[in-house]
């Protein structure tokens, strides 16, 4: 289970942080600025909110669009793969439960 499923999860997450995240964060910092906003549903807590520095330029920024698409696709694949891992774990738990029951 570890070699087939968990190792895959760890390897892909590490790949995200080594390959995709640096590109994403670099473009993000170039194109957005941080600010704060009060929100009543958080009982007066301040949230960090990022706003585009220049919305018009951002719409034309192909590098930023490409980084967003890469990030979206990577995360979508990860969500699908993690769902498969969860199903595999559920089946394994059922098999273990059956085996324990047969030993009683």
PDB file of N, CA and C in Angstrom:
ATOM      1  N   UNK A   1       0.830  -1.194   0.000  1.00  0.00           N
ATOM      2  CA  UNK A   1       0.000   0.000   0.000  1.00  0.00           C
ATOM      3  C   UNK A   1       0.872   1.255   0.000  1.00  0.00           C
ATOM      4  N   UNK A   2       1.918   1.228   0.834  1.00  0.00           N
ATOM      5  CA  UNK A   2       2.780   2.404   0.898  1.00  0.00           C
ATOM      6  C   UNK A   2       3.473   2.626  -0.436  1.00  0.00           C
ATOM      7  N   UNK A   3       4.072   1.580  -0.973  1.00  0.00           N
ATOM      8  CA  UNK A   3       4.842   1.728  -2.213  1.00  0.00           C
ATOM      9  C   UNK A   3       3.963   2.110  -3.394  1.00  0.00           C
ATOM     10  N   UNK A   4       2.749   1.601  -3.431  1.00  0.00           N
ATOM     11  CA  UNK A   4       1.876   1.890  -4.561  1.00  0.00           C
ATOM     12  C   UNK A   4       1.136   3.211  -4.417  1.00  0.00           C
ATOM     13  N   UNK A   5       0.678   3.522  -3.236  1.00  0.00           N
ATOM     14  CA  UNK A   5      -0.205   4.673  -3.073  1.00  0.00           C
ATOM     15  C   UNK A   5       0.445   5.851  -2.356  1.00  0.00           C
ATOM     16  N   UNK A   6       0.904   5.631  -1.131  1.00  0.00           N
ATOM     17  CA  UNK A   6       1.412   6.756  -0.336  1.00  0.00           C
ATOM     18  C   UNK A   6       2.690   7.343  -0.911  1.00  0.00           C
ATOM     19  N   UNK A   7       3.560   6.492  -1.403  1.00  0.00           N
ATOM     20  CA  UNK A   7       4.791   6.995  -2.003  1.00  0.00           C
ATOM     21  C   UNK A   7       4.463   7.886  -3.199  1.00  0.00           C
ATOM     22  N   UNK A   8       3.458   7.490  -3.968  1.00  0.00           N
ATOM     23  CA  UNK A   8       3.011   8.303  -5.098  1.00  0.00           C
ATOM     24  C   UNK A   8       2.521   9.666  -4.634  1.00  0.00           C
ATOM     25  N   UNK A   9       1.733   9.687  -3.570  1.00  0.00           N
ATOM     26  CA  UNK A   9       1.210  10.940  -3.026  1.00  0.00           C
ATOM     27  C   UNK A   9       2.366  11.841  -2.608  1.00  0.00           C
ATOM     28  N   UNK A  10       3.298  11.301  -1.845  1.00  0.00           N
ATOM     29  CA  UNK A  10       4.430  12.092  -1.366  1.00  0.00           C
ATOM     30  C   UNK A  10       5.311  12.584  -2.511  1.00  0.00           C
ATOM     31  N   UNK A  11       5.554  11.726  -3.462  1.00  0.00           N
ATOM     32  CA  UNK A  11       6.397  12.095  -4.597  1.00  0.00           C
ATOM     33  C   UNK A  11       5.770  13.218  -5.400  1.00  0.00           C
ATOM     34  N   UNK A  12       4.495  13.121  -5.670  1.00  0.00           N
ATOM     35  CA  UNK A  12       3.825  14.158  -6.455  1.00  0.00           C
ATOM     36  C   UNK A  12       3.692  15.470  -5.684  1.00  0.00           C
ATOM     37  N   UNK A  13       3.448  15.399  -4.400  1.00  0.00           N
ATOM     38  CA  UNK A  13       3.371  16.628  -3.607  1.00  0.00           C
ATOM     39  C   UNK A  13       4.742  17.316  -3.551  1.00  0.00           C
ATOM     40  N   UNK A  14       5.799  16.518  -3.388  1.00  0.00           N
ATOM     41  CA  UNK A  14       7.138  17.090  -3.385  1.00  0.00           C
ATOM     42  C   UNK A  14       7.431  17.728  -4.741  1.00  0.00           C
ATOM     43  N   UNK A  15       7.017  17.068  -5.823  1.00  0.00           N
ATOM     44  CA  UNK A  15       7.194  17.611  -7.171  1.00  0.00           C
ATOM     45  C   UNK A  15       6.478  18.953  -7.308  1.00  0.00           C
ATOM     46  N   UNK A  16       5.267  19.039  -6.750  1.00  0.00           N
ATOM     47  CA  UNK A  16       4.512  20.300  -6.789  1.00  0.00           C
ATOM     48  C   UNK A  16       5.322  21.418  -6.149  1.00  0.00           C
ATOM     49  N   UNK A  17       5.815  21.161  -4.952  1.00  0.00           N
ATOM     50  CA  UNK A  17       6.522  22.217  -4.226  1.00  0.00           C
ATOM     51  C   UNK A  17       7.892  22.531  -4.828  1.00  0.00           C
ATOM     52  N   UNK A  18       8.484  21.609  -5.530  1.00  0.00           N
ATOM     53  CA  UNK A  18       9.789  21.867  -6.144  1.00  0.00           C
ATOM     54  C   UNK A  18       9.668  22.454  -7.544  1.00  0.00           C
ATOM     55  N   UNK A  19       8.665  22.057  -8.294  1.00  0.00           N
ATOM     56  CA  UNK A  19       8.552  22.465  -9.699  1.00  0.00           C
ATOM     57  C   UNK A  19       7.486  23.530  -9.960  1.00  0.00           C
ATOM     58  N   UNK A  20       6.278  23.296  -9.518  1.00  0.00           N
ATOM     59  CA  UNK A  20       5.173  24.188  -9.838  1.00  0.00           C
ATOM     60  C   UNK A  20       5.093  25.397  -8.909  1.00  0.00           C
ATOM     61  N   UNK A  21       5.200  25.157  -7.622  1.00  0.00           N
ATOM     62  CA  UNK A  21       5.005  26.223  -6.649  1.00  0.00           C
ATOM     63  C   UNK A  21       5.953  27.406  -6.854  1.00  0.00           C
ATOM     64  N   UNK A  22       7.247  27.194  -7.090  1.00  0.00           N
ATOM     65  CA  UNK A  22       8.120  28.359  -7.313  1.00  0.00           C
ATOM     66  C   UNK A  22       7.684  29.222  -8.495  1.00  0.00           C
ATOM     67  N   UNK A  23       7.249  28.583  -9.583  1.00  0.00           N
ATOM     68  CA  UNK A  23       6.768  29.358 -10.736  1.00  0.00           C
ATOM     69  C   UNK A  23       5.495  30.110 -10.381  1.00  0.00           C
ATOM     70  N   UNK A  24       4.607  29.429  -9.688  1.00  0.00           N
ATOM     71  CA  UNK A  24       3.334  30.040  -9.307  1.00  0.00           C
ATOM     72  C   UNK A  24       3.556  31.237  -8.392  1.00  0.00           C
ATOM     73  N   UNK A  25       4.340  31.044  -7.355  1.00  0.00           N
ATOM     74  CA  UNK A  25       4.500  32.104  -6.360  1.00  0.00           C
ATOM     75  C   UNK A  25       5.253  33.292  -6.946  1.00  0.00           C
ATOM     76  N   UNK A  26       6.191  33.028  -7.837  1.00  0.00           N
ATOM     77  CA  UNK A  26       6.921  34.117  -8.489  1.00  0.00           C
ATOM     78  C   UNK A  26       5.964  34.992  -9.298  1.00  0.00           C
ATOM     79  N   UNK A  27       5.116  34.379 -10.087  1.00  0.00           N
ATOM     80  CA  UNK A  27       4.136  35.131 -10.875  1.00  0.00           C
ATOM     81  C   UNK A  27       3.101  35.799  -9.975  1.00  0.00           C
ATOM     82  N   UNK A  28       2.722  35.113  -8.930  1.00  0.00           N
ATOM     83  CA  UNK A  28       1.734  35.661  -8.012  1.00  0.00           C
ATOM     84  C   UNK A  28       2.246  36.957  -7.385  1.00  0.00           C
ATOM     85  N   UNK A  29       3.463  36.929  -6.859  1.00  0.00           N
ATOM     86  CA  UNK A  29       4.018  38.120  -6.210  1.00  0.00           C
ATOM     87  C   UNK A  29       4.222  39.268  -7.194  1.00  0.00           C
ATOM     88  N   UNK A  30       4.505  38.936  -8.446  1.00  0.00           N
ATOM     89  CA  UNK A  30       4.677  39.992  -9.447  1.00  0.00           C
ATOM     90  C   UNK A  30       3.360  40.683  -9.774  1.00  0.00           C
ATOM     91  N   UNK A  31       2.264  39.947  -9.684  1.00  0.00           N
ATOM     92  CA  UNK A  31       0.987  40.443 -10.183  1.00  0.00           C
ATOM     93  C   UNK A  31      -0.052  40.805  -9.133  1.00  0.00           C
ATOM     94  N   UNK A  32       0.212  40.500  -7.872  1.00  0.00           N
ATOM     95  CA  UNK A  32      -0.765  40.764  -6.819  1.00  0.00           C
ATOM     96  C   UNK A  32      -0.129  41.494  -5.652  1.00  0.00           C
ATOM     97  N   UNK A  33      -0.961  42.221  -4.932  1.00  0.00           N
ATOM     98  CA  UNK A  33      -0.513  42.867  -3.706  1.00  0.00           C
ATOM     99  C   UNK A  33      -1.449  42.444  -2.582  1.00  0.00           C
ATOM    100  N   UNK A  34      -0.903  42.374  -1.381  1.00  0.00           N
ATOM    101  CA  UNK A  34      -1.682  41.928  -0.232  1.00  0.00           C
ATOM    102  C   UNK A  34      -2.342  43.115   0.455  1.00  0.00           C
ATOM    103  N   UNK A  35      -3.478  42.865   1.028  1.00  0.00           N
ATOM    104  CA  UNK A  35      -4.199  43.862   1.810  1.00  0.00           C
ATOM    105  C   UNK A  35      -5.006  43.137   2.861  1.00  0.00           C
ATOM    106  N   UNK A  36      -5.721  43.861   3.685  1.00  0.00           N
ATOM    107  CA  UNK A  36      -6.554  43.218   4.694  1.00  0.00           C
ATOM    108  C   UNK A  36      -7.985  43.706   4.565  1.00  0.00           C
ATOM    109  N   UNK A  37      -8.891  42.898   5.020  1.00  0.00           N
ATOM    110  CA  UNK A  37     -10.298  43.247   4.994  1.00  0.00           C
ATOM    111  C   UNK A  37     -10.955  42.685   6.251  1.00  0.00           C
ATOM    112  N   UNK A  38     -11.881  43.417   6.803  1.00  0.00           N
ATOM    113  CA  UNK A  38     -12.660  42.949   7.945  1.00  0.00           C
ATOM    114  C   UNK A  38     -13.836  42.138   7.404  1.00  0.00           C
ATOM    115  N   UNK A  39     -14.191  41.090   8.107  1.00  0.00           N
ATOM    116  CA  UNK A  39     -15.318  40.292   7.672  1.00  0.00           C
ATOM    117  C   UNK A  39     -16.169  39.928   8.877  1.00  0.00           C
ATOM    118  N   UNK A  40     -17.449  40.259   8.810  1.00  0.00           N
ATOM    119  CA  UNK A  40     -18.336  40.048   9.953  1.00  0.00           C
ATOM    120  C   UNK A  40     -18.514  38.567  10.294  1.00  0.00           C
ATOM    121  N   UNK A  41     -18.530  37.688   9.310  1.00  0.00           N
ATOM    122  CA  UNK A  41     -18.746  36.282   9.626  1.00  0.00           C
ATOM    123  C   UNK A  41     -17.544  35.668  10.338  1.00  0.00           C
ATOM    124  N   UNK A  42     -16.406  36.364  10.334  1.00  0.00           N
ATOM    125  CA  UNK A  42     -15.248  35.904  11.098  1.00  0.00           C
ATOM    126  C   UNK A  42     -15.133  36.640  12.435  1.00  0.00           C
ATOM    127  N   UNK A  43     -16.221  37.273  12.832  1.00  0.00           N
ATOM    128  CA  UNK A  43     -16.290  37.977  14.112  1.00  0.00           C
ATOM    129  C   UNK A  43     -15.187  39.023  14.241  1.00  0.00           C
ATOM    130  N   UNK A  44     -15.055  39.852  13.217  1.00  0.00           N
ATOM    131  CA  UNK A  44     -14.130  40.970  13.275  1.00  0.00           C
ATOM    132  C   UNK A  44     -12.685  40.651  12.960  1.00  0.00           C
ATOM    133  N   UNK A  45     -12.390  39.403  12.616  1.00  0.00           N
ATOM    134  CA  UNK A  45     -11.017  39.042  12.276  1.00  0.00           C
ATOM    135  C   UNK A  45     -10.638  39.631  10.926  1.00  0.00           C
ATOM    136  N   UNK A  46      -9.368  39.927  10.761  1.00  0.00           N
ATOM    137  CA  UNK A  46      -8.891  40.456   9.491  1.00  0.00           C
ATOM    138  C   UNK A  46      -8.358  39.319   8.629  1.00  0.00           C
ATOM    139  N   UNK A  47      -8.712  39.356   7.376  1.00  0.00           N
ATOM    140  CA  UNK A  47      -8.221  38.382   6.408  1.00  0.00           C
ATOM    141  C   UNK A  47      -7.207  39.046   5.490  1.00  0.00           C
ATOM    142  N   UNK A  48      -6.211  38.285   5.083  1.00  0.00           N
ATOM    143  CA  UNK A  48      -5.306  38.789   4.053  1.00  0.00           C
ATOM    144  C   UNK A  48      -5.998  38.577   2.713  1.00  0.00           C
ATOM    145  N   UNK A  49      -6.076  39.612   1.935  1.00  0.00           N
ATOM    146  CA  UNK A  49      -6.729  39.546   0.640  1.00  0.00           C
ATOM    147  C   UNK A  49      -5.737  40.031  -0.409  1.00  0.00           C
ATOM    148  N   UNK A  50      -5.611  39.278  -1.465  1.00  0.00           N
ATOM    149  CA  UNK A  50      -4.696  39.659  -2.529  1.00  0.00           C
ATOM    150  C   UNK A  50      -5.495  40.249  -3.685  1.00  0.00           C
ATOM    151  N   UNK A  51      -5.045  41.387  -4.151  1.00  0.00           N
ATOM    152  CA  UNK A  51      -5.709  42.028  -5.274  1.00  0.00           C
ATOM    153  C   UNK A  51      -4.708  42.223  -6.404  1.00  0.00           C
ATOM    154  N   UNK A  52      -5.213  42.137  -7.609  1.00  0.00           N
ATOM    155  CA  UNK A  52      -4.340  42.304  -8.781  1.00  0.00           C
ATOM    156  C   UNK A  52      -3.770  43.720  -8.792  1.00  0.00           C
ATOM    157  N   UNK A  53      -2.506  43.814  -9.107  1.00  0.00           N
ATOM    158  CA  UNK A  53      -1.862  45.129  -9.224  1.00  0.00           C
ATOM    159  C   UNK A  53      -2.451  45.895 -10.402  1.00  0.00           C
ATOM    160  N   UNK A  54      -2.645  45.179 -11.517  1.00  0.00           N
ATOM    161  CA  UNK A  54      -3.195  45.795 -12.707  1.00  0.00           C
ATOM    162  C   UNK A  54      -4.032  44.747 -13.433  1.00  0.00           C
ATOM    163  N   UNK A  55      -5.326  44.816 -13.265  1.00  0.00           N
ATOM    164  CA  UNK A  55      -6.227  43.817 -13.835  1.00  0.00           C
ATOM    165  C   UNK A  55      -6.124  43.745 -15.349  1.00  0.00           C
ATOM    166  N   UNK A  56      -6.003  44.870 -15.993  1.00  0.00           N
ATOM    167  CA  UNK A  56      -5.906  44.896 -17.455  1.00  0.00           C
ATOM    168  C   UNK A  56      -4.668  44.140 -17.927  1.00  0.00           C
ATOM    169  N   UNK A  57      -3.521  44.423 -17.327  1.00  0.00           N
ATOM    170  CA  UNK A  57      -2.287  43.729 -17.704  1.00  0.00           C
ATOM    171  C   UNK A  57      -2.341  42.245 -17.359  1.00  0.00           C
ATOM    172  N   UNK A  58      -2.961  41.938 -16.236  1.00  0.00           N
ATOM    173  CA  UNK A  58      -3.048  40.548 -15.805  1.00  0.00           C
ATOM    174  C   UNK A  58      -3.835  39.705 -16.808  1.00  0.00           C
ATOM    175  N   UNK A  59      -4.880  40.269 -17.383  1.00  0.00           N
ATOM    176  CA  UNK A  59      -5.677  39.539 -18.381  1.00  0.00           C
ATOM    177  C   UNK A  59      -4.870  39.195 -19.620  1.00  0.00           C
ATOM    178  N   UNK A  60      -3.846  39.987 -19.904  1.00  0.00           N
ATOM    179  CA  UNK A  60      -3.025  39.761 -21.094  1.00  0.00           C
ATOM    180  C   UNK A  60      -1.733  39.000 -20.778  1.00  0.00           C
ATOM    181  N   UNK A  61      -1.491  38.696 -19.512  1.00  0.00           N
ATOM    182  CA  UNK A  61      -0.251  38.059 -19.087  1.00  0.00           C
ATOM    183  C   UNK A  61      -0.314  36.551 -19.355  1.00  0.00           C
ATOM    184  N   UNK A  62       0.274  36.129 -20.467  1.00  0.00           N
ATOM    185  CA  UNK A  62       0.224  34.719 -20.859  1.00  0.00           C
ATOM    186  C   UNK A  62       1.009  33.826 -19.903  1.00  0.00           C
ATOM    187  N   UNK A  63       2.094  34.330 -19.355  1.00  0.00           N
ATOM    188  CA  UNK A  63       2.873  33.530 -18.402  1.00  0.00           C
ATOM    189  C   UNK A  63       2.032  33.203 -17.184  1.00  0.00           C
ATOM    190  N   UNK A  64       1.351  34.215 -16.649  1.00  0.00           N
ATOM    191  CA  UNK A  64       0.512  33.985 -15.478  1.00  0.00           C
ATOM    192  C   UNK A  64      -0.618  33.007 -15.803  1.00  0.00           C
ATOM    193  N   UNK A  65      -1.240  33.167 -16.954  1.00  0.00           N
ATOM    194  CA  UNK A  65      -2.312  32.247 -17.356  1.00  0.00           C
ATOM    195  C   UNK A  65      -1.785  30.810 -17.447  1.00  0.00           C
ATOM    196  N   UNK A  66      -0.609  30.657 -18.052  1.00  0.00           N
ATOM    197  CA  UNK A  66      -0.036  29.316 -18.188  1.00  0.00           C
ATOM    198  C   UNK A  66       0.262  28.693 -16.830  1.00  0.00           C
ATOM    199  N   UNK A  67       0.795  29.483 -15.922  1.00  0.00           N
ATOM    200  CA  UNK A  67       1.080  28.979 -14.575  1.00  0.00           C
ATOM    201  C   UNK A  67      -0.215  28.573 -13.877  1.00  0.00           C
ATOM    202  N   UNK A  68      -1.272  29.366 -14.031  1.00  0.00           N
ATOM    203  CA  UNK A  68      -2.555  29.011 -13.424  1.00  0.00           C
ATOM    204  C   UNK A  68      -3.118  27.720 -14.009  1.00  0.00           C
ATOM    205  N   UNK A  69      -3.020  27.576 -15.325  1.00  0.00           N
ATOM    206  CA  UNK A  69      -3.523  26.353 -15.967  1.00  0.00           C
ATOM    207  C   UNK A  69      -2.723  25.141 -15.503  1.00  0.00           C
ATOM    208  N   UNK A  70      -1.393  25.273 -15.445  1.00  0.00           N
ATOM    209  CA  UNK A  70      -0.563  24.170 -14.947  1.00  0.00           C
ATOM    210  C   UNK A  70      -0.949  23.796 -13.521  1.00  0.00           C
ATOM    211  N   UNK A  71      -1.121  24.802 -12.692  1.00  0.00           N
ATOM    212  CA  UNK A  71      -1.476  24.574 -11.297  1.00  0.00           C
ATOM    213  C   UNK A  71      -2.840  23.905 -11.192  1.00  0.00           C
ATOM    214  N   UNK A  72      -3.808  24.409 -11.943  1.00  0.00           N
ATOM    215  CA  UNK A  72      -5.151  23.830 -11.934  1.00  0.00           C
ATOM    216  C   UNK A  72      -5.115  22.361 -12.372  1.00  0.00           C
ATOM    217  N   UNK A  73      -4.460  22.103 -13.487  1.00  0.00           N
ATOM    218  CA  UNK A  73      -4.393  20.732 -14.001  1.00  0.00           C
ATOM    219  C   UNK A  73      -3.694  19.803 -13.025  1.00  0.00           C
ATOM    220  N   UNK A  74      -2.586  20.265 -12.452  1.00  0.00           N
ATOM    221  CA  UNK A  74      -1.859  19.439 -11.499  1.00  0.00           C
ATOM    222  C   UNK A  74      -2.737  19.102 -10.303  1.00  0.00           C
ATOM    223  N   UNK A  75      -3.412  20.096  -9.769  1.00  0.00           N
ATOM    224  CA  UNK A  75      -4.263  19.862  -8.603  1.00  0.00           C
ATOM    225  C   UNK A  75      -5.468  18.982  -8.939  1.00  0.00           C
ATOM    226  N   UNK A  76      -6.044  19.157 -10.114  1.00  0.00           N
ATOM    227  CA  UNK A  76      -7.171  18.321 -10.521  1.00  0.00           C
ATOM    228  C   UNK A  76      -6.747  16.858 -10.607  1.00  0.00           C
ATOM    229  N   UNK A  77      -5.605  16.610 -11.199  1.00  0.00           N
ATOM    230  CA  UNK A  77      -5.091  15.237 -11.289  1.00  0.00           C
ATOM    231  C   UNK A  77      -4.827  14.683  -9.892  1.00  0.00           C
ATOM    232  N   UNK A  78      -4.274  15.514  -9.016  1.00  0.00           N
ATOM    233  CA  UNK A  78      -4.003  15.065  -7.648  1.00  0.00           C
ATOM    234  C   UNK A  78      -5.296  14.699  -6.924  1.00  0.00           C
ATOM    235  N   UNK A  79      -6.319  15.515  -7.079  1.00  0.00           N
ATOM    236  CA  UNK A  79      -7.601  15.220  -6.426  1.00  0.00           C
ATOM    237  C   UNK A  79      -8.157  13.887  -6.932  1.00  0.00           C
ATOM    238  N   UNK A  80      -8.104  13.672  -8.234  1.00  0.00           N
ATOM    239  CA  UNK A  80      -8.592  12.410  -8.796  1.00  0.00           C
ATOM    240  C   UNK A  80      -7.777  11.237  -8.278  1.00  0.00           C
ATOM    241  N   UNK A  81      -6.466  11.395  -8.256  1.00  0.00           N
ATOM    242  CA  UNK A  81      -5.583  10.316  -7.796  1.00  0.00           C
ATOM    243  C   UNK A  81      -5.790  10.037  -6.306  1.00  0.00           C
ATOM    244  N   UNK A  82      -5.959  11.084  -5.507  1.00  0.00           N
ATOM    245  CA  UNK A  82      -6.208  10.885  -4.080  1.00  0.00           C
ATOM    246  C   UNK A  82      -7.538  10.184  -3.847  1.00  0.00           C
ATOM    247  N   UNK A  83      -8.535  10.484  -4.685  1.00  0.00           N
ATOM    248  CA  UNK A  83      -9.811   9.775  -4.592  1.00  0.00           C
ATOM    249  C   UNK A  83      -9.639   8.288  -4.852  1.00  0.00           C
ATOM    250  N   UNK A  84      -8.806   7.957  -5.840  1.00  0.00           N
ATOM    251  CA  UNK A  84      -8.514   6.547  -6.126  1.00  0.00           C
ATOM    252  C   UNK A  84      -7.803   5.888  -4.940  1.00  0.00           C
ATOM    253  N   UNK A  85      -6.890   6.624  -4.329  1.00  0.00           N
ATOM    254  CA  UNK A  85      -6.167   6.100  -3.163  1.00  0.00           C
ATOM    255  C   UNK A  85      -7.127   5.833  -2.010  1.00  0.00           C
ATOM    256  N   UNK A  86      -8.061   6.724  -1.792  1.00  0.00           N
ATOM    257  CA  UNK A  86      -9.047   6.536  -0.731  1.00  0.00           C
ATOM    258  C   UNK A  86      -9.866   5.267  -0.986  1.00  0.00           C
ATOM    259  N   UNK A  87     -10.276   5.072  -2.234  1.00  0.00           N
ATOM    260  CA  UNK A  87     -11.049   3.863  -2.562  1.00  0.00           C
ATOM    261  C   UNK A  87     -10.217   2.602  -2.349  1.00  0.00           C
ATOM    262  N   UNK A  88      -8.957   2.644  -2.706  1.00  0.00           N
ATOM    263  CA  UNK A  88      -8.066   1.505  -2.488  1.00  0.00           C
ATOM    264  C   UNK A  88      -7.929   1.219  -0.995  1.00  0.00           C
ATOM    265  N   UNK A  89      -7.801   2.278  -0.188  1.00  0.00           N
ATOM    266  CA  UNK A  89      -7.708   2.099   1.263  1.00  0.00           C
ATOM    267  C   UNK A  89      -8.987   1.497   1.837  1.00  0.00           C
ATOM    268  N   UNK A  90     -10.130   1.944   1.343  1.00  0.00           N
ATOM    269  CA  UNK A  90     -11.401   1.388   1.816  1.00  0.00           C
ATOM    270  C   UNK A  90     -11.477  -0.115   1.524  1.00  0.00           C
ATOM    271  N   UNK A  91     -11.048  -0.513   0.320  1.00  0.00           N
ATOM    272  CA  UNK A  91     -11.054  -1.934  -0.043  1.00  0.00           C
ATOM    273  C   UNK A  91     -10.092  -2.719   0.839  1.00  0.00           C
ATOM    274  N   UNK A  92      -8.932  -2.145   1.106  1.00  0.00           N
ATOM    275  CA  UNK A  92      -7.959  -2.806   1.962  1.00  0.00           C
ATOM    276  C   UNK A  92      -8.512  -2.992   3.373  1.00  0.00           C
ATOM    277  N   UNK A  93      -9.165  -1.988   3.894  1.00  0.00           N
ATOM    278  CA  UNK A  93      -9.771  -2.079   5.228  1.00  0.00           C
ATOM    279  C   UNK A  93     -10.821  -3.188   5.253  1.00  0.00           C
ATOM    280  N   UNK A  94     -11.638  -3.259   4.203  1.00  0.00           N
ATOM    281  CA  UNK A  94     -12.641  -4.329   4.136  1.00  0.00           C
ATOM    282  C   UNK A  94     -11.972  -5.705   4.104  1.00  0.00           C
ATOM    283  N   UNK A  95     -10.907  -5.827   3.327  1.00  0.00           N
ATOM    284  CA  UNK A  95     -10.187  -7.108   3.254  1.00  0.00           C
ATOM    285  C   UNK A  95      -9.580  -7.480   4.608  1.00  0.00           C
ATOM    286  N   UNK A  96      -9.030  -6.504   5.295  1.00  0.00           N
ATOM    287  CA  UNK A  96      -8.453  -6.761   6.616  1.00  0.00           C
ATOM    288  C   UNK A  96      -9.545  -7.156   7.598  1.00  0.00           C
ATOM    289  N   UNK A  97     -10.662  -6.447   7.562  1.00  0.00           N
ATOM    290  CA  UNK A  97     -11.788  -6.804   8.426  1.00  0.00           C
ATOM    291  C   UNK A  97     -12.273  -8.228   8.163  1.00  0.00           C
ATOM    292  N   UNK A  98     -12.364  -8.624   6.888  1.00  0.00           N
ATOM    293  CA  UNK A  98     -12.781  -9.987   6.533  1.00  0.00           C
ATOM    294  C   UNK A  98     -11.788 -11.013   7.069  1.00  0.00           C
ATOM    295  N   UNK A  99     -10.522 -10.703   6.929  1.00  0.00           N
ATOM    296  CA  UNK A  99      -9.484 -11.624   7.401  1.00  0.00           C
ATOM    297  C   UNK A  99      -9.548 -11.768   8.928  1.00  0.00           C
ATOM    298  N   UNK A 100      -9.719 -10.671   9.614  1.00  0.00           N
ATOM    299  CA  UNK A 100      -9.828 -10.719  11.078  1.00  0.00           C
ATOM    300  C   UNK A 100     -11.052 -11.533  11.477  1.00  0.00           C
ATOM    301  N   UNK A 101     -12.148 -11.326  10.776  1.00  0.00           N
ATOM    302  CA  UNK A 101     -13.383 -12.070  11.077  1.00  0.00           C
ATOM    303  C   UNK A 101     -13.198 -13.569  10.832  1.00  0.00           C
ATOM    304  N   UNK A 102     -12.457 -13.912   9.801  1.00  0.00           N
ATOM    305  CA  UNK A 102     -12.256 -15.330   9.498  1.00  0.00           C
ATOM    306  C   UNK A 102     -11.348 -16.005  10.520  1.00  0.00           C
ATOM    307  N   UNK A 103     -10.553 -15.240  11.231  1.00  0.00           N
ATOM    308  CA  UNK A 103      -9.651 -15.803  12.236  1.00  0.00           C
ATOM    309  C   UNK A 103     -10.337 -16.016  13.582  1.00  0.00           C
ATOM    310  N   UNK A 104     -11.524 -15.471  13.736  1.00  0.00           N
ATOM    311  CA  UNK A 104     -12.237 -15.618  15.017  1.00  0.00           C
ATOM    312  C   UNK A 104     -12.834 -16.983  15.194  1.00  0.00           C
TER     313      UNK A 104
END
